[in-house]
Amino acid sequence: MSTPPPDQQPPDRGPGERPERNLDDVLWSRVQRRQDKIRAEIQRNRAGGHRIPTWVLATLLGLILLGWLYLFVTR
């Protein structure tokens, strides 16, 4: 088997040098970081520590929507 021409050979790397990253490596690491962020957010949400209970927020939203509906109907 013949060796590729010098301009197509990968550069010599010393010990401890990291190889170049290709597009697949970059995209995969981006996916991994995104998944890690999502997992961390889910863990934070499951841990609780919410300042206002969800039912209070839902009730407030319902009241606001009813208020808007009342304004549209009576005008």
Protein backbone atom coordinates (compact mmCIF):
# COMPACT_ATOMS: atom_id res chain seq x y z
CA MET A 1 0.00 0.00 0.00
CA SER A 2 1.32 3.42 -0.85
CA THR A 3 1.30 6.39 1.47
CA PRO A 4 -0.71 9.47 0.54
CA PRO A 5 1.13 12.52 -0.75
CA PRO A 6 2.57 14.82 1.92
CA ASP A 7 -0.13 17.47 1.43
CA GLN A 8 -2.87 14.92 2.27
CA GLN A 9 -1.25 13.37 5.31
CA PRO A 10 -2.48 14.46 8.72
CA PRO A 11 0.01 16.69 10.54
CA ASP A 12 2.25 15.08 13.12
CA ARG A 13 0.99 15.72 16.61
CA GLY A 14 3.04 15.68 19.73
CA PRO A 15 1.96 13.96 22.91
CA GLY A 16 -0.93 15.71 24.60
CA GLU A 17 -2.14 17.53 21.49
CA ARG A 18 -5.75 17.03 20.64
CA PRO A 19 -6.71 16.03 17.11
CA GLU A 20 -8.80 18.39 15.02
CA ARG A 21 -12.52 18.16 15.55
CA ASN A 22 -14.67 17.53 12.55
CA LEU A 23 -18.22 18.74 11.98
CA ASP A 24 -19.77 15.60 13.43
CA ASP A 25 -17.80 16.02 16.67
CA VAL A 26 -18.87 19.65 16.98
CA LEU A 27 -22.53 18.87 16.34
CA TRP A 28 -22.50 15.89 18.71
CA SER A 29 -20.95 17.93 21.53
CA ARG A 30 -23.57 20.64 20.93
CA VAL A 31 -26.33 18.02 21.24
CA GLN A 32 -24.74 16.66 24.41
CA ARG A 33 -24.52 20.12 26.00
CA ARG A 34 -28.16 20.81 25.12
CA GLN A 35 -29.26 17.49 26.63
CA ASP A 36 -27.26 18.22 29.78
CA LYS A 37 -28.94 21.64 30.12
CA ILE A 38 -32.39 20.08 29.71
CA ARG A 39 -31.64 17.37 32.28
CA ALA A 40 -30.39 19.97 34.76
CA GLU A 41 -33.51 22.09 34.27
CA ILE A 42 -35.79 19.08 34.79
CA GLN A 43 -33.94 18.20 38.00
CA ARG A 44 -34.31 21.77 39.25
CA ASN A 45 -38.02 21.75 38.46
CA ARG A 46 -38.56 18.39 40.17
CA ALA A 47 -36.73 19.57 43.27
CA GLY A 48 -39.47 22.12 43.88
CA GLY A 49 -38.71 25.30 45.72
CA HIS A 50 -41.37 27.17 43.78
CA ARG A 51 -42.27 30.49 45.38
CA ILE A 52 -45.86 30.58 44.10
CA PRO A 53 -47.89 27.36 43.84
CA THR A 54 -49.02 26.35 40.37
CA TRP A 55 -52.70 26.39 41.31
CA VAL A 56 -52.41 30.06 42.30
CA LEU A 57 -50.87 30.93 38.94
CA ALA A 58 -53.56 28.94 37.10
CA THR A 59 -56.31 30.69 39.06
CA LEU A 60 -54.79 34.09 38.34
CA LEU A 61 -54.60 33.30 34.62
CA GLY A 62 -58.23 32.16 34.64
CA LEU A 63 -59.33 35.38 36.35
CA ILE A 64 -57.44 37.51 33.84
CA LEU A 65 -59.03 35.64 30.93
CA LEU A 66 -62.49 35.97 32.47
CA GLY A 67 -61.88 39.70 32.96
CA TRP A 68 -60.93 40.14 29.30
CA LEU A 69 -63.98 38.11 28.24
CA TYR A 70 -66.23 40.25 30.46
CA LEU A 71 -64.80 43.44 28.91
CA PHE A 72 -65.40 42.19 25.36
CA VAL A 73 -68.93 41.01 26.08
CA THR A 74 -70.09 44.14 27.93
CA ARG A 75 -68.64 46.69 25.50
